[in-house]
């Protein structure tokens, strides 16, 4: 990493965010980098990047959107909603992520209310991340997320118990559920 910084004579800024608050639930895997035109000019082969499974990434985004009102969370969930999802896995992971956070558990009604509170979103924050020709359609994003993530309301008995366990008394049950999910059910 230090070598990369020394060779960055033009001063290009790169932001890395690494969180070690929680261990991943699903196995981490090495994902190859998407081919880029400039790769052919490199003196080395781009290395694979250790990555979370997509279901765990989506569950993290649901956790974030349940706890804060950031336009980037809404945008990401709206984009994700158009892709095929393992809804049961995503929901189970989201339940565990929120349980582990020590805050309020997964509740689709509360999630929907937070998503629909569009007056809290800073659209300018999103415009900095999009191409200049892209304009965010806030009402459409809100409607898509509320519609496509309705499956978060279909909790199993175990998920419901964990979502309602605000005092975190169900530690053994949560760990057993985590192991069940990690083993692919």
N, C-alpha and C. Protein backbone atom coordinates (compact mmCIF):
# COMPACT_ATOMS: atom_id res chain seq x y z
N UNK A 1 0.82 -1.18 0.00
CA UNK A 1 0.00 0.00 0.00
C UNK A 1 0.87 1.25 0.00
N UNK A 2 1.95 1.24 0.77
CA UNK A 2 2.86 2.38 0.82
C UNK A 2 3.48 2.65 -0.53
N UNK A 3 3.82 1.59 -1.27
CA UNK A 3 4.38 1.74 -2.61
C UNK A 3 3.37 2.43 -3.53
N UNK A 4 2.12 2.06 -3.42
CA UNK A 4 1.08 2.71 -4.22
C UNK A 4 1.00 4.20 -3.92
N UNK A 5 1.10 4.57 -2.65
CA UNK A 5 1.01 5.98 -2.28
C UNK A 5 2.20 6.77 -2.83
N UNK A 6 3.39 6.20 -2.78
CA UNK A 6 4.58 6.89 -3.29
C UNK A 6 4.51 7.09 -4.80
N UNK A 7 3.90 6.13 -5.50
CA UNK A 7 3.83 6.22 -6.96
C UNK A 7 2.67 7.09 -7.43
N UNK A 8 1.89 7.64 -6.52
CA UNK A 8 0.73 8.45 -6.85
C UNK A 8 1.15 9.92 -6.96
N UNK A 9 1.96 10.22 -7.95
CA UNK A 9 2.50 11.57 -8.11
C UNK A 9 1.44 12.60 -8.48
N UNK A 10 0.37 12.17 -9.12
CA UNK A 10 -0.68 13.11 -9.53
C UNK A 10 -1.63 13.45 -8.38
N UNK A 11 -1.52 12.75 -7.26
CA UNK A 11 -2.34 13.07 -6.10
C UNK A 11 -3.76 12.56 -6.15
N UNK A 12 -4.00 11.49 -6.90
CA UNK A 12 -5.34 10.92 -6.96
C UNK A 12 -5.71 10.42 -5.57
N UNK A 13 -6.91 10.79 -5.11
CA UNK A 13 -7.35 10.39 -3.77
C UNK A 13 -8.24 9.18 -3.87
N UNK A 14 -7.98 8.20 -3.02
CA UNK A 14 -8.78 6.99 -2.94
C UNK A 14 -9.21 6.85 -1.50
N UNK A 15 -10.48 6.55 -1.30
CA UNK A 15 -11.00 6.39 0.05
C UNK A 15 -11.30 4.92 0.30
N UNK A 16 -10.71 4.36 1.34
CA UNK A 16 -10.97 2.99 1.76
C UNK A 16 -11.75 3.05 3.06
N UNK A 17 -12.81 2.26 3.16
CA UNK A 17 -13.53 2.13 4.40
C UNK A 17 -13.51 0.66 4.79
N UNK A 18 -12.98 0.39 5.97
CA UNK A 18 -12.90 -0.98 6.45
C UNK A 18 -13.54 -1.02 7.83
N UNK A 19 -14.47 -1.93 7.99
CA UNK A 19 -15.13 -2.09 9.27
C UNK A 19 -14.80 -3.47 9.81
N UNK A 20 -14.40 -3.51 11.06
CA UNK A 20 -14.13 -4.80 11.70
C UNK A 20 -15.02 -4.98 12.94
N UNK A 21 -16.18 -4.30 12.93
CA UNK A 21 -17.12 -4.41 14.05
C UNK A 21 -17.67 -5.81 14.18
N UNK A 22 -17.94 -6.45 13.06
CA UNK A 22 -18.58 -7.76 13.08
C UNK A 22 -17.84 -8.71 12.14
N UNK A 23 -17.91 -9.96 12.46
CA UNK A 23 -17.38 -10.95 11.52
C UNK A 23 -18.48 -11.30 10.52
N UNK A 24 -18.11 -11.55 9.29
CA UNK A 24 -19.13 -11.92 8.30
C UNK A 24 -19.85 -13.21 8.70
N UNK A 25 -21.09 -13.34 8.27
CA UNK A 25 -21.87 -14.53 8.57
C UNK A 25 -21.61 -15.59 7.50
N UNK A 26 -21.64 -15.19 6.25
CA UNK A 26 -21.37 -16.10 5.13
C UNK A 26 -19.87 -16.11 4.83
N UNK A 27 -19.39 -17.15 4.16
CA UNK A 27 -17.96 -17.19 3.84
C UNK A 27 -17.56 -16.04 2.92
N UNK A 28 -16.38 -15.49 3.18
CA UNK A 28 -15.79 -14.46 2.32
C UNK A 28 -15.12 -15.19 1.17
N UNK A 29 -15.17 -14.59 -0.04
CA UNK A 29 -14.53 -15.24 -1.18
C UNK A 29 -13.69 -14.23 -1.94
N UNK A 30 -12.75 -14.72 -2.72
CA UNK A 30 -11.89 -13.87 -3.54
C UNK A 30 -12.56 -13.66 -4.90
N UNK A 31 -12.96 -12.42 -5.16
CA UNK A 31 -13.63 -12.08 -6.41
C UNK A 31 -12.62 -11.47 -7.37
N UNK A 32 -12.60 -11.94 -8.62
CA UNK A 32 -11.71 -11.32 -9.59
C UNK A 32 -12.18 -9.90 -9.88
N UNK A 33 -11.24 -9.02 -10.18
CA UNK A 33 -11.61 -7.66 -10.54
C UNK A 33 -12.22 -7.66 -11.94
N UNK A 34 -13.18 -6.78 -12.16
CA UNK A 34 -13.76 -6.64 -13.49
C UNK A 34 -12.70 -6.09 -14.43
N UNK A 35 -12.63 -6.66 -15.59
CA UNK A 35 -11.63 -6.24 -16.59
C UNK A 35 -11.77 -4.76 -16.91
N UNK A 36 -10.67 -4.05 -16.87
CA UNK A 36 -10.62 -2.64 -17.21
C UNK A 36 -9.63 -2.45 -18.35
N UNK A 37 -9.85 -1.47 -19.19
CA UNK A 37 -8.95 -1.25 -20.33
C UNK A 37 -7.51 -1.01 -19.91
N UNK A 38 -7.31 -0.32 -18.82
CA UNK A 38 -5.95 0.02 -18.40
C UNK A 38 -5.17 -1.17 -17.84
N UNK A 39 -5.84 -2.29 -17.57
CA UNK A 39 -5.15 -3.46 -17.03
C UNK A 39 -3.99 -3.89 -17.93
N UNK A 40 -4.15 -3.75 -19.23
CA UNK A 40 -3.10 -4.21 -20.16
C UNK A 40 -1.82 -3.39 -20.02
N UNK A 41 -1.88 -2.22 -19.41
CA UNK A 41 -0.70 -1.38 -19.23
C UNK A 41 0.00 -1.61 -17.89
N UNK A 42 -0.59 -2.42 -17.06
CA UNK A 42 -0.02 -2.68 -15.74
C UNK A 42 1.15 -3.65 -15.82
N UNK A 43 2.08 -3.50 -14.91
CA UNK A 43 3.23 -4.41 -14.82
C UNK A 43 2.91 -5.65 -13.98
N UNK A 44 1.68 -5.77 -13.56
CA UNK A 44 1.27 -6.89 -12.70
C UNK A 44 -0.16 -7.28 -13.03
N UNK A 45 -0.54 -8.45 -12.59
CA UNK A 45 -1.91 -8.93 -12.74
C UNK A 45 -2.74 -8.39 -11.58
N UNK A 46 -3.88 -7.77 -11.85
CA UNK A 46 -4.74 -7.32 -10.76
C UNK A 46 -5.16 -8.50 -9.88
N UNK A 47 -5.00 -8.33 -8.60
CA UNK A 47 -5.29 -9.40 -7.64
C UNK A 47 -6.78 -9.49 -7.36
N UNK A 48 -7.25 -10.69 -7.06
CA UNK A 48 -8.65 -10.81 -6.62
C UNK A 48 -8.84 -10.05 -5.31
N UNK A 49 -10.07 -9.68 -5.03
CA UNK A 49 -10.38 -8.89 -3.84
C UNK A 49 -11.28 -9.72 -2.94
N UNK A 50 -10.89 -9.86 -1.68
CA UNK A 50 -11.73 -10.57 -0.71
C UNK A 50 -13.05 -9.82 -0.58
N UNK A 51 -14.15 -10.55 -0.73
CA UNK A 51 -15.46 -9.90 -0.80
C UNK A 51 -16.51 -10.66 0.01
N UNK A 52 -17.51 -9.91 0.44
CA UNK A 52 -18.68 -10.52 1.06
C UNK A 52 -19.57 -11.08 -0.03
N UNK A 53 -20.34 -12.09 0.30
CA UNK A 53 -21.36 -12.62 -0.61
C UNK A 53 -22.39 -11.51 -0.83
N UNK A 54 -23.00 -11.47 -1.99
CA UNK A 54 -23.92 -10.39 -2.34
C UNK A 54 -25.10 -10.32 -1.36
N UNK A 55 -25.59 -11.46 -0.89
CA UNK A 55 -26.71 -11.46 0.06
C UNK A 55 -26.32 -10.74 1.36
N UNK A 56 -25.08 -10.91 1.78
CA UNK A 56 -24.63 -10.25 3.01
C UNK A 56 -24.46 -8.75 2.79
N UNK A 57 -24.01 -8.37 1.62
CA UNK A 57 -23.89 -6.94 1.29
C UNK A 57 -25.28 -6.28 1.32
N UNK A 58 -26.27 -6.95 0.73
CA UNK A 58 -27.63 -6.41 0.71
C UNK A 58 -28.19 -6.32 2.14
N UNK A 59 -27.94 -7.34 2.95
CA UNK A 59 -28.40 -7.32 4.34
C UNK A 59 -27.76 -6.16 5.11
N UNK A 60 -26.49 -5.90 4.84
CA UNK A 60 -25.81 -4.75 5.48
C UNK A 60 -26.47 -3.45 5.05
N UNK A 61 -26.85 -3.36 3.78
CA UNK A 61 -27.50 -2.15 3.27
C UNK A 61 -28.88 -1.98 3.91
N UNK A 62 -29.60 -3.08 4.12
CA UNK A 62 -30.90 -3.03 4.80
C UNK A 62 -30.71 -2.58 6.24
N UNK A 63 -29.69 -3.12 6.90
CA UNK A 63 -29.39 -2.69 8.27
C UNK A 63 -29.13 -1.18 8.30
N UNK A 64 -28.29 -0.71 7.39
CA UNK A 64 -27.96 0.72 7.35
C UNK A 64 -29.22 1.56 7.10
N UNK A 65 -30.04 1.17 6.13
CA UNK A 65 -31.25 1.93 5.80
C UNK A 65 -32.27 1.88 6.93
N UNK A 66 -32.21 0.85 7.77
CA UNK A 66 -33.11 0.74 8.91
C UNK A 66 -32.69 1.67 10.04
N UNK A 67 -31.43 2.07 10.04
CA UNK A 67 -30.89 2.85 11.16
C UNK A 67 -30.60 4.30 10.82
N UNK A 68 -30.62 4.65 9.53
CA UNK A 68 -30.31 6.02 9.13
C UNK A 68 -31.04 6.33 7.82
N UNK A 69 -31.10 7.59 7.47
CA UNK A 69 -31.76 8.01 6.23
C UNK A 69 -30.72 8.65 5.31
N UNK A 70 -29.97 7.81 4.63
CA UNK A 70 -28.95 8.29 3.68
C UNK A 70 -29.42 7.98 2.27
N UNK A 71 -29.28 8.95 1.40
CA UNK A 71 -29.72 8.79 0.02
C UNK A 71 -28.97 7.67 -0.68
N UNK A 72 -27.71 7.46 -0.34
CA UNK A 72 -26.94 6.40 -1.01
C UNK A 72 -27.47 5.01 -0.66
N UNK A 73 -28.00 4.84 0.56
CA UNK A 73 -28.61 3.55 0.94
C UNK A 73 -29.88 3.33 0.12
N UNK A 74 -30.71 4.37 0.02
CA UNK A 74 -31.93 4.27 -0.77
C UNK A 74 -31.59 3.95 -2.23
N UNK A 75 -30.64 4.66 -2.79
CA UNK A 75 -30.25 4.46 -4.19
C UNK A 75 -29.75 3.02 -4.41
N UNK A 76 -28.87 2.56 -3.52
CA UNK A 76 -28.33 1.21 -3.67
C UNK A 76 -29.44 0.17 -3.60
N UNK A 77 -30.34 0.31 -2.64
CA UNK A 77 -31.44 -0.65 -2.52
C UNK A 77 -32.36 -0.59 -3.73
N UNK A 78 -32.61 0.60 -4.26
CA UNK A 78 -33.44 0.73 -5.46
C UNK A 78 -32.79 0.03 -6.65
N UNK A 79 -31.47 0.18 -6.79
CA UNK A 79 -30.75 -0.49 -7.89
C UNK A 79 -30.73 -2.00 -7.70
N UNK A 80 -30.52 -2.44 -6.48
CA UNK A 80 -30.47 -3.87 -6.16
C UNK A 80 -31.83 -4.53 -6.41
N UNK A 81 -32.90 -3.79 -6.16
CA UNK A 81 -34.25 -4.36 -6.23
C UNK A 81 -34.62 -4.90 -7.61
N UNK A 82 -33.95 -4.44 -8.65
CA UNK A 82 -34.27 -4.91 -10.00
C UNK A 82 -33.54 -6.20 -10.35
N UNK A 83 -32.73 -6.69 -9.45
CA UNK A 83 -31.97 -7.93 -9.71
C UNK A 83 -32.60 -9.09 -8.96
N UNK A 84 -32.37 -10.31 -9.45
CA UNK A 84 -32.89 -11.47 -8.71
C UNK A 84 -32.19 -11.58 -7.35
N UNK A 85 -32.96 -11.85 -6.32
CA UNK A 85 -32.43 -11.95 -4.96
C UNK A 85 -32.82 -13.27 -4.32
N UNK A 86 -31.95 -13.78 -3.47
CA UNK A 86 -32.32 -14.89 -2.60
C UNK A 86 -32.99 -14.23 -1.39
N UNK A 87 -34.27 -13.97 -1.51
CA UNK A 87 -34.99 -13.16 -0.53
C UNK A 87 -34.95 -13.75 0.87
N UNK A 88 -35.10 -15.07 0.96
CA UNK A 88 -35.08 -15.71 2.28
C UNK A 88 -33.73 -15.51 2.96
N UNK A 89 -32.65 -15.68 2.20
CA UNK A 89 -31.31 -15.51 2.76
C UNK A 89 -31.08 -14.05 3.16
N UNK A 90 -31.45 -13.13 2.29
CA UNK A 90 -31.27 -11.70 2.57
C UNK A 90 -32.04 -11.32 3.83
N UNK A 91 -33.29 -11.76 3.94
CA UNK A 91 -34.11 -11.44 5.10
C UNK A 91 -33.50 -12.01 6.39
N UNK A 92 -33.08 -13.27 6.35
CA UNK A 92 -32.47 -13.89 7.54
C UNK A 92 -31.21 -13.15 7.96
N UNK A 93 -30.38 -12.81 6.98
CA UNK A 93 -29.15 -12.07 7.28
C UNK A 93 -29.46 -10.69 7.84
N UNK A 94 -30.47 -10.01 7.28
CA UNK A 94 -30.85 -8.68 7.78
C UNK A 94 -31.34 -8.77 9.22
N UNK A 95 -32.11 -9.80 9.54
CA UNK A 95 -32.57 -9.99 10.92
C UNK A 95 -31.37 -10.12 11.84
N UNK A 96 -30.41 -10.95 11.46
CA UNK A 96 -29.21 -11.14 12.30
C UNK A 96 -28.38 -9.87 12.40
N UNK A 97 -28.20 -9.16 11.30
CA UNK A 97 -27.40 -7.93 11.31
C UNK A 97 -28.01 -6.91 12.27
N UNK A 98 -29.33 -6.75 12.21
CA UNK A 98 -29.97 -5.80 13.11
C UNK A 98 -29.94 -6.30 14.55
N UNK A 99 -30.08 -7.60 14.76
CA UNK A 99 -30.01 -8.15 16.12
C UNK A 99 -28.61 -7.89 16.70
N UNK A 100 -27.57 -8.14 15.88
CA UNK A 100 -26.20 -7.95 16.34
C UNK A 100 -25.88 -6.49 16.63
N UNK A 101 -26.57 -5.58 15.97
CA UNK A 101 -26.28 -4.15 16.14
C UNK A 101 -26.66 -3.65 17.53
N UNK A 102 -27.49 -4.43 18.23
CA UNK A 102 -27.90 -4.02 19.57
C UNK A 102 -28.99 -2.97 19.58
N UNK A 103 -29.52 -2.67 18.41
CA UNK A 103 -30.59 -1.68 18.31
C UNK A 103 -31.90 -2.40 18.03
N UNK A 104 -32.89 -1.67 17.56
CA UNK A 104 -34.20 -2.23 17.25
C UNK A 104 -34.07 -3.26 16.13
N UNK A 105 -34.82 -4.36 16.25
CA UNK A 105 -34.77 -5.43 15.27
C UNK A 105 -35.48 -5.08 13.97
N UNK A 106 -35.41 -6.02 13.03
CA UNK A 106 -36.02 -5.81 11.72
C UNK A 106 -37.54 -5.74 11.85
N UNK A 107 -38.09 -4.69 11.30
CA UNK A 107 -39.53 -4.47 11.28
C UNK A 107 -39.82 -3.76 9.96
N UNK A 108 -40.52 -4.45 9.04
CA UNK A 108 -40.74 -3.87 7.73
C UNK A 108 -41.52 -2.55 7.79
N UNK A 109 -42.49 -2.46 8.69
CA UNK A 109 -43.26 -1.21 8.82
C UNK A 109 -42.36 -0.05 9.18
N UNK A 110 -41.48 -0.25 10.15
CA UNK A 110 -40.54 0.81 10.55
C UNK A 110 -39.55 1.10 9.43
N UNK A 111 -39.07 0.04 8.75
CA UNK A 111 -38.15 0.19 7.61
C UNK A 111 -38.83 1.03 6.53
N UNK A 112 -40.07 0.69 6.19
CA UNK A 112 -40.80 1.43 5.15
C UNK A 112 -40.99 2.89 5.55
N UNK A 113 -41.35 3.14 6.81
CA UNK A 113 -41.51 4.53 7.27
C UNK A 113 -40.22 5.32 7.13
N UNK A 114 -39.10 4.70 7.47
CA UNK A 114 -37.81 5.39 7.35
C UNK A 114 -37.51 5.68 5.88
N UNK A 115 -37.76 4.70 5.02
CA UNK A 115 -37.52 4.88 3.58
C UNK A 115 -38.41 5.99 3.03
N UNK A 116 -39.66 6.00 3.45
CA UNK A 116 -40.63 6.98 2.91
C UNK A 116 -40.42 8.40 3.44
N UNK A 117 -39.62 8.55 4.47
CA UNK A 117 -39.38 9.90 5.02
C UNK A 117 -38.37 10.64 4.14
N UNK A 118 -38.75 10.86 2.90
CA UNK A 118 -37.88 11.44 1.88
C UNK A 118 -37.42 12.85 2.17
N UNK A 119 -38.06 13.55 3.09
CA UNK A 119 -37.64 14.91 3.40
C UNK A 119 -36.27 14.94 4.09
N UNK A 120 -35.82 13.78 4.59
CA UNK A 120 -34.51 13.71 5.25
C UNK A 120 -33.37 13.43 4.27
N UNK A 121 -33.68 13.03 3.04
CA UNK A 121 -32.64 12.66 2.08
C UNK A 121 -31.98 13.89 1.48
N UNK A 122 -30.67 13.85 1.38
CA UNK A 122 -29.91 14.92 0.73
C UNK A 122 -29.58 14.47 -0.69
N UNK A 123 -30.41 14.85 -1.64
CA UNK A 123 -30.26 14.42 -3.03
C UNK A 123 -28.93 14.90 -3.60
N UNK A 124 -28.43 16.04 -3.13
CA UNK A 124 -27.13 16.55 -3.62
C UNK A 124 -26.01 15.55 -3.32
N UNK A 125 -26.12 14.86 -2.19
CA UNK A 125 -25.11 13.86 -1.84
C UNK A 125 -25.05 12.76 -2.89
N UNK A 126 -26.20 12.38 -3.42
CA UNK A 126 -26.26 11.35 -4.45
C UNK A 126 -25.79 11.88 -5.80
N UNK A 127 -26.10 13.11 -6.11
CA UNK A 127 -25.70 13.68 -7.39
C UNK A 127 -24.18 13.71 -7.54
N UNK A 128 -23.46 13.79 -6.44
CA UNK A 128 -21.99 13.75 -6.49
C UNK A 128 -21.47 12.38 -6.89
N UNK A 129 -22.30 11.35 -6.73
CA UNK A 129 -21.88 9.98 -7.03
C UNK A 129 -22.32 9.51 -8.41
N UNK A 130 -23.28 10.20 -9.00
CA UNK A 130 -23.83 9.78 -10.29
C UNK A 130 -23.18 10.54 -11.45
N UNK A 131 -23.36 9.98 -12.64
CA UNK A 131 -22.90 10.70 -13.83
C UNK A 131 -23.70 11.99 -13.96
N UNK A 132 -23.15 12.94 -14.65
CA UNK A 132 -23.82 14.24 -14.81
C UNK A 132 -25.15 14.14 -15.53
N UNK A 133 -25.28 13.14 -16.41
CA UNK A 133 -26.53 13.00 -17.15
C UNK A 133 -27.60 12.22 -16.38
N UNK A 134 -27.27 11.74 -15.19
CA UNK A 134 -28.23 11.00 -14.37
C UNK A 134 -28.88 11.94 -13.36
N UNK A 135 -30.18 11.87 -13.28
CA UNK A 135 -30.93 12.64 -12.28
C UNK A 135 -31.70 11.66 -11.40
N UNK A 136 -31.50 11.72 -10.09
CA UNK A 136 -32.22 10.80 -9.21
C UNK A 136 -33.71 11.12 -9.17
N UNK A 137 -34.53 10.09 -9.24
CA UNK A 137 -35.98 10.22 -9.14
C UNK A 137 -36.38 9.69 -7.76
N UNK A 138 -36.37 10.56 -6.78
CA UNK A 138 -36.58 10.17 -5.39
C UNK A 138 -37.90 9.43 -5.17
N UNK A 139 -39.04 9.95 -5.66
CA UNK A 139 -40.30 9.20 -5.43
C UNK A 139 -40.28 7.80 -6.05
N UNK A 140 -39.67 7.65 -7.22
CA UNK A 140 -39.61 6.33 -7.86
C UNK A 140 -38.71 5.38 -7.07
N UNK A 141 -37.59 5.88 -6.56
CA UNK A 141 -36.69 5.03 -5.76
C UNK A 141 -37.39 4.57 -4.49
N UNK A 142 -38.08 5.49 -3.83
CA UNK A 142 -38.79 5.15 -2.59
C UNK A 142 -39.86 4.09 -2.87
N UNK A 143 -40.64 4.29 -3.91
CA UNK A 143 -41.70 3.34 -4.25
C UNK A 143 -41.14 1.97 -4.58
N UNK A 144 -40.04 1.93 -5.34
CA UNK A 144 -39.43 0.65 -5.73
C UNK A 144 -38.91 -0.11 -4.52
N UNK A 145 -38.22 0.58 -3.61
CA UNK A 145 -37.68 -0.09 -2.43
C UNK A 145 -38.82 -0.59 -1.54
N UNK A 146 -39.83 0.23 -1.31
CA UNK A 146 -40.96 -0.20 -0.47
C UNK A 146 -41.69 -1.39 -1.07
N UNK A 147 -41.81 -1.43 -2.37
CA UNK A 147 -42.49 -2.52 -3.04
C UNK A 147 -41.64 -3.79 -3.10
N UNK A 148 -40.43 -3.66 -3.56
CA UNK A 148 -39.58 -4.83 -3.81
C UNK A 148 -38.99 -5.46 -2.55
N UNK A 149 -38.95 -4.73 -1.45
CA UNK A 149 -38.42 -5.29 -0.21
C UNK A 149 -39.53 -5.66 0.77
N UNK A 150 -40.74 -5.78 0.27
CA UNK A 150 -41.88 -6.19 1.09
C UNK A 150 -41.63 -7.57 1.71
N UNK A 151 -40.79 -8.38 1.08
CA UNK A 151 -40.48 -9.71 1.62
C UNK A 151 -39.85 -9.65 3.01
N UNK A 152 -39.38 -8.48 3.43
CA UNK A 152 -38.82 -8.33 4.77
C UNK A 152 -39.91 -8.47 5.84
N UNK A 153 -41.17 -8.42 5.44
CA UNK A 153 -42.29 -8.54 6.36
C UNK A 153 -42.71 -10.00 6.57
N UNK A 154 -42.11 -10.93 5.86
CA UNK A 154 -42.51 -12.33 5.91
C UNK A 154 -41.55 -13.14 6.79
N UNK A 155 -41.45 -12.76 8.04
CA UNK A 155 -40.49 -13.37 8.96
C UNK A 155 -40.90 -14.78 9.36
N UNK A 156 -39.90 -15.65 9.45
CA UNK A 156 -40.13 -16.98 10.01
C UNK A 156 -40.29 -16.84 11.52
N UNK A 157 -40.64 -17.92 12.18
CA UNK A 157 -40.79 -17.89 13.64
C UNK A 157 -39.50 -17.49 14.33
N UNK A 158 -38.37 -18.06 13.89
CA UNK A 158 -37.07 -17.73 14.49
C UNK A 158 -36.71 -16.27 14.21
N UNK A 159 -36.92 -15.83 12.98
CA UNK A 159 -36.62 -14.43 12.62
C UNK A 159 -37.46 -13.46 13.46
N UNK A 160 -38.73 -13.78 13.63
CA UNK A 160 -39.62 -12.92 14.41
C UNK A 160 -39.15 -12.85 15.86
N UNK A 161 -38.77 -13.99 16.43
CA UNK A 161 -38.29 -14.00 17.81
C UNK A 161 -37.04 -13.12 17.95
N UNK A 162 -36.10 -13.23 17.02
CA UNK A 162 -34.88 -12.42 17.09
C UNK A 162 -35.18 -10.95 16.84
N UNK A 163 -36.06 -10.66 15.91
CA UNK A 163 -36.41 -9.27 15.62
C UNK A 163 -37.07 -8.59 16.82
N UNK A 164 -37.77 -9.37 17.64
CA UNK A 164 -38.44 -8.81 18.81
C UNK A 164 -37.62 -8.91 20.09
N UNK A 165 -36.41 -9.44 20.01
CA UNK A 165 -35.55 -9.64 21.18
C UNK A 165 -34.71 -8.40 21.47
N UNK A 166 -35.38 -7.35 21.92
CA UNK A 166 -34.68 -6.08 22.16
C UNK A 166 -33.70 -6.15 23.33
N UNK A 167 -33.89 -7.08 24.24
CA UNK A 167 -32.98 -7.22 25.38
C UNK A 167 -31.85 -8.21 25.13
N UNK A 168 -31.81 -8.79 23.95
CA UNK A 168 -30.75 -9.73 23.54
C UNK A 168 -30.61 -10.93 24.48
N UNK A 169 -31.74 -11.48 24.86
CA UNK A 169 -31.76 -12.67 25.71
C UNK A 169 -31.56 -13.94 24.89
N UNK A 170 -31.79 -13.88 23.59
CA UNK A 170 -31.76 -15.08 22.75
C UNK A 170 -30.39 -15.29 22.09
N UNK A 171 -29.34 -15.16 22.86
CA UNK A 171 -27.98 -15.28 22.31
C UNK A 171 -27.72 -16.67 21.73
N UNK A 172 -28.12 -17.70 22.43
CA UNK A 172 -27.91 -19.07 21.94
C UNK A 172 -28.70 -19.31 20.66
N UNK A 173 -29.93 -18.83 20.64
CA UNK A 173 -30.77 -18.99 19.44
C UNK A 173 -30.19 -18.23 18.26
N UNK A 174 -29.68 -17.03 18.53
CA UNK A 174 -29.08 -16.22 17.47
C UNK A 174 -27.83 -16.91 16.91
N UNK A 175 -27.01 -17.46 17.78
CA UNK A 175 -25.80 -18.15 17.32
C UNK A 175 -26.15 -19.41 16.53
N UNK A 176 -27.16 -20.14 16.99
CA UNK A 176 -27.60 -21.34 16.25
C UNK A 176 -28.14 -20.94 14.87
N UNK A 177 -28.91 -19.86 14.81
CA UNK A 177 -29.47 -19.38 13.54
C UNK A 177 -28.34 -18.92 12.62
N UNK A 178 -27.37 -18.25 13.19
CA UNK A 178 -26.20 -17.80 12.43
C UNK A 178 -25.48 -18.99 11.83
N UNK A 179 -25.25 -20.02 12.60
CA UNK A 179 -24.57 -21.22 12.11
C UNK A 179 -25.39 -21.91 11.02
N UNK A 180 -26.69 -21.95 11.20
CA UNK A 180 -27.57 -22.56 10.20
C UNK A 180 -27.46 -21.80 8.86
N UNK A 181 -27.47 -20.49 8.93
CA UNK A 181 -27.36 -19.68 7.72
C UNK A 181 -25.98 -19.83 7.09
N UNK A 182 -24.94 -19.82 7.89
CA UNK A 182 -23.57 -19.95 7.39
C UNK A 182 -23.35 -21.28 6.68
N UNK A 183 -24.08 -22.31 7.09
CA UNK A 183 -23.95 -23.62 6.46
C UNK A 183 -24.88 -23.79 5.28
N UNK A 184 -25.56 -22.69 4.90
CA UNK A 184 -26.42 -22.74 3.73
C UNK A 184 -27.77 -23.37 3.97
N UNK A 185 -28.14 -23.52 5.23
CA UNK A 185 -29.43 -24.11 5.63
C UNK A 185 -29.53 -25.50 5.10
